[in-house]
Amino acid sequence: MKDSNKEMIPNYKYVLMEVYPVSMDGLNESKETGIKHAMLEVAMTAYLMGMGYDYEYAHDAVEAWEYDDRFGMYY
């Protein structure tokens, strides 16, 4: 990695703090729904968080999509 890019990398503790709830939710979800389904939810939640939504909103949006059975063809 070039030195000029190092200043753009966020602190790893901040990143871990942001994704930890998503990861833990995915692990718990996988016990009930399977790994493929849980990973899809984790990825979708993390994507929405990357778009600027907070964890609560992103998680609720993904759960709403799941409730509407919008994942059907993917798992």
N, C-alpha and C. Protein backbone atom coordinates (compact mmCIF):
# COMPACT_ATOMS: atom_id res chain seq x y z
N MET A 1 0.84 -1.17 0.00
CA MET A 1 0.00 0.00 0.00
C MET A 1 0.88 1.24 0.00
N LYS A 2 0.51 2.19 -0.77
CA LYS A 2 1.26 3.43 -0.83
C LYS A 2 1.07 4.22 0.46
N ASP A 3 2.09 4.96 0.85
CA ASP A 3 2.02 5.78 2.05
C ASP A 3 0.92 6.82 1.97
N SER A 4 0.66 7.32 0.79
CA SER A 4 -0.36 8.37 0.64
C SER A 4 -1.76 7.85 0.95
N ASN A 5 -1.98 6.54 0.86
CA ASN A 5 -3.30 5.97 1.13
C ASN A 5 -3.52 5.66 2.61
N LYS A 6 -2.47 5.62 3.40
CA LYS A 6 -2.61 5.26 4.81
C LYS A 6 -3.49 6.23 5.58
N GLU A 7 -3.46 7.48 5.25
CA GLU A 7 -4.26 8.46 5.98
C GLU A 7 -5.75 8.29 5.68
N MET A 8 -6.12 7.59 4.64
CA MET A 8 -7.51 7.38 4.28
C MET A 8 -8.10 6.15 4.98
N ILE A 9 -7.29 5.32 5.58
CA ILE A 9 -7.75 4.10 6.23
C ILE A 9 -8.28 4.45 7.62
N PRO A 10 -9.54 4.08 7.92
CA PRO A 10 -10.07 4.38 9.25
C PRO A 10 -9.41 3.51 10.32
N ASN A 11 -9.51 3.93 11.53
CA ASN A 11 -8.97 3.18 12.66
C ASN A 11 -9.67 1.83 12.74
N TYR A 12 -8.90 0.75 12.89
CA TYR A 12 -9.48 -0.59 12.89
C TYR A 12 -10.45 -0.79 14.05
N LYS A 13 -10.23 -0.11 15.18
CA LYS A 13 -11.13 -0.26 16.32
C LYS A 13 -12.51 0.32 15.98
N TYR A 14 -12.52 1.41 15.26
CA TYR A 14 -13.79 2.01 14.83
C TYR A 14 -14.53 1.06 13.89
N VAL A 15 -13.81 0.48 12.95
CA VAL A 15 -14.43 -0.44 11.99
C VAL A 15 -14.99 -1.65 12.73
N LEU A 16 -14.21 -2.23 13.64
CA LEU A 16 -14.69 -3.37 14.41
C LEU A 16 -15.94 -3.02 15.21
N MET A 17 -15.94 -1.86 15.82
CA MET A 17 -17.08 -1.42 16.62
C MET A 17 -18.33 -1.30 15.74
N GLU A 18 -18.17 -0.85 14.52
CA GLU A 18 -19.31 -0.68 13.62
C GLU A 18 -19.85 -2.01 13.11
N VAL A 19 -18.97 -2.95 12.79
CA VAL A 19 -19.43 -4.20 12.18
C VAL A 19 -19.69 -5.32 13.19
N TYR A 20 -19.26 -5.15 14.42
CA TYR A 20 -19.44 -6.21 15.43
C TYR A 20 -20.91 -6.61 15.60
N PRO A 21 -21.84 -5.65 15.74
CA PRO A 21 -23.23 -6.07 15.89
C PRO A 21 -23.76 -6.85 14.68
N VAL A 22 -23.33 -6.46 13.51
CA VAL A 22 -23.75 -7.15 12.29
C VAL A 22 -23.21 -8.57 12.30
N SER A 23 -21.96 -8.73 12.67
CA SER A 23 -21.34 -10.05 12.71
C SER A 23 -22.01 -10.96 13.72
N MET A 24 -22.26 -10.43 14.91
CA MET A 24 -22.89 -11.23 15.95
C MET A 24 -24.31 -11.62 15.57
N ASP A 25 -25.03 -10.69 14.96
CA ASP A 25 -26.38 -10.99 14.51
C ASP A 25 -26.35 -12.09 13.45
N GLY A 26 -25.39 -12.01 12.55
CA GLY A 26 -25.26 -13.04 11.52
C GLY A 26 -24.95 -14.41 12.09
N LEU A 27 -24.06 -14.45 13.08
CA LEU A 27 -23.75 -15.74 13.71
C LEU A 27 -24.97 -16.33 14.40
N ASN A 28 -25.70 -15.50 15.11
CA ASN A 28 -26.91 -15.98 15.77
C ASN A 28 -27.98 -16.39 14.77
N GLU A 29 -28.13 -15.62 13.72
CA GLU A 29 -29.11 -15.92 12.68
C GLU A 29 -28.79 -17.23 11.98
N SER A 30 -27.51 -17.51 11.79
CA SER A 30 -27.11 -18.72 11.07
C SER A 30 -27.52 -19.99 11.79
N LYS A 31 -27.68 -19.92 13.09
CA LYS A 31 -28.12 -21.10 13.86
C LYS A 31 -29.55 -21.48 13.53
N GLU A 32 -30.34 -20.48 13.14
CA GLU A 32 -31.76 -20.72 12.84
C GLU A 32 -32.05 -20.84 11.35
N THR A 33 -31.32 -20.10 10.55
CA THR A 33 -31.67 -20.02 9.12
C THR A 33 -30.65 -20.65 8.19
N GLY A 34 -29.47 -20.93 8.68
CA GLY A 34 -28.40 -21.44 7.83
C GLY A 34 -27.41 -20.35 7.47
N ILE A 35 -26.22 -20.78 7.11
CA ILE A 35 -25.14 -19.84 6.85
C ILE A 35 -25.40 -18.98 5.61
N LYS A 36 -25.88 -19.58 4.55
CA LYS A 36 -26.09 -18.83 3.31
C LYS A 36 -27.07 -17.67 3.53
N HIS A 37 -28.16 -17.95 4.19
CA HIS A 37 -29.15 -16.92 4.47
C HIS A 37 -28.58 -15.84 5.38
N ALA A 38 -27.90 -16.26 6.45
CA ALA A 38 -27.34 -15.31 7.40
C ALA A 38 -26.28 -14.42 6.75
N MET A 39 -25.43 -15.00 5.92
CA MET A 39 -24.40 -14.20 5.25
C MET A 39 -25.02 -13.19 4.29
N LEU A 40 -26.11 -13.56 3.66
CA LEU A 40 -26.80 -12.62 2.78
C LEU A 40 -27.32 -11.43 3.59
N GLU A 41 -27.90 -11.71 4.74
CA GLU A 41 -28.40 -10.63 5.60
C GLU A 41 -27.26 -9.74 6.09
N VAL A 42 -26.15 -10.36 6.49
CA VAL A 42 -24.98 -9.60 6.96
C VAL A 42 -24.47 -8.69 5.84
N ALA A 43 -24.32 -9.25 4.65
CA ALA A 43 -23.80 -8.47 3.53
C ALA A 43 -24.73 -7.31 3.19
N MET A 44 -26.04 -7.57 3.18
CA MET A 44 -26.99 -6.52 2.85
C MET A 44 -26.98 -5.42 3.92
N THR A 45 -26.93 -5.82 5.18
CA THR A 45 -26.89 -4.84 6.27
C THR A 45 -25.61 -4.01 6.19
N ALA A 46 -24.47 -4.67 5.99
CA ALA A 46 -23.20 -3.95 5.89
C ALA A 46 -23.19 -3.00 4.69
N TYR A 47 -23.77 -3.44 3.60
CA TYR A 47 -23.85 -2.58 2.41
C TYR A 47 -24.64 -1.31 2.73
N LEU A 48 -25.80 -1.47 3.35
CA LEU A 48 -26.61 -0.31 3.70
C LEU A 48 -25.87 0.61 4.67
N MET A 49 -25.13 0.02 5.60
CA MET A 49 -24.33 0.83 6.52
C MET A 49 -23.27 1.61 5.76
N GLY A 50 -22.68 0.98 4.76
CA GLY A 50 -21.70 1.66 3.92
C GLY A 50 -22.32 2.80 3.11
N MET A 51 -23.62 2.70 2.87
CA MET A 51 -24.34 3.75 2.16
C MET A 51 -24.70 4.91 3.10
N GLY A 52 -24.44 4.73 4.40
CA GLY A 52 -24.67 5.81 5.35
C GLY A 52 -25.78 5.57 6.36
N TYR A 53 -26.49 4.46 6.24
CA TYR A 53 -27.54 4.16 7.20
C TYR A 53 -26.92 3.60 8.48
N ASP A 54 -27.53 3.89 9.63
CA ASP A 54 -27.00 3.30 10.86
C ASP A 54 -27.43 1.84 10.96
N TYR A 55 -26.80 1.13 11.89
CA TYR A 55 -27.05 -0.31 12.02
C TYR A 55 -28.53 -0.62 12.24
N GLU A 56 -29.17 0.11 13.14
CA GLU A 56 -30.57 -0.18 13.46
C GLU A 56 -31.46 -0.09 12.21
N TYR A 57 -31.30 0.99 11.46
CA TYR A 57 -32.13 1.18 10.27
C TYR A 57 -31.81 0.11 9.22
N ALA A 58 -30.51 -0.12 8.99
CA ALA A 58 -30.11 -1.11 7.99
C ALA A 58 -30.63 -2.49 8.34
N HIS A 59 -30.49 -2.88 9.59
CA HIS A 59 -30.95 -4.19 10.04
C HIS A 59 -32.47 -4.31 9.88
N ASP A 60 -33.18 -3.27 10.29
CA ASP A 60 -34.64 -3.29 10.17
C ASP A 60 -35.09 -3.36 8.71
N ALA A 61 -34.39 -2.67 7.82
CA ALA A 61 -34.72 -2.71 6.40
C ALA A 61 -34.54 -4.12 5.84
N VAL A 62 -33.43 -4.75 6.18
CA VAL A 62 -33.16 -6.11 5.70
C VAL A 62 -34.19 -7.08 6.27
N GLU A 63 -34.53 -6.93 7.54
CA GLU A 63 -35.55 -7.80 8.13
C GLU A 63 -36.91 -7.59 7.46
N ALA A 64 -37.22 -6.36 7.09
CA ALA A 64 -38.47 -6.09 6.39
C ALA A 64 -38.48 -6.75 5.02
N TRP A 65 -37.36 -6.69 4.32
CA TRP A 65 -37.26 -7.37 3.02
C TRP A 65 -37.44 -8.87 3.21
N GLU A 66 -36.84 -9.39 4.26
CA GLU A 66 -36.95 -10.83 4.53
C GLU A 66 -38.42 -11.18 4.81
N TYR A 67 -39.08 -10.36 5.60
CA TYR A 67 -40.48 -10.60 5.94
C TYR A 67 -41.35 -10.61 4.69
N ASP A 68 -41.03 -9.75 3.74
CA ASP A 68 -41.77 -9.68 2.48
C ASP A 68 -41.35 -10.78 1.50
N ASP A 69 -40.46 -11.68 1.95
CA ASP A 69 -39.95 -12.80 1.16
C ASP A 69 -39.27 -12.36 -0.13
N ARG A 70 -38.47 -11.31 0.00
CA ARG A 70 -37.74 -10.81 -1.16
C ARG A 70 -36.42 -11.53 -1.40
N PHE A 71 -36.05 -12.44 -0.49
CA PHE A 71 -34.80 -13.20 -0.64
C PHE A 71 -35.03 -14.49 -1.40
N GLY A 72 -36.26 -14.88 -1.58
CA GLY A 72 -36.64 -16.19 -2.10
C GLY A 72 -35.70 -16.85 -3.10
N MET A 73 -35.38 -16.17 -4.15
CA MET A 73 -34.57 -16.80 -5.20
C MET A 73 -33.08 -16.89 -4.86
N TYR A 74 -32.67 -16.30 -3.74
CA TYR A 74 -31.26 -16.28 -3.40
C TYR A 74 -30.87 -17.29 -2.33
N TYR A 75 -31.85 -17.97 -1.74
CA TYR A 75 -31.47 -18.99 -0.75
C TYR A 75 -32.36 -20.18 -0.80
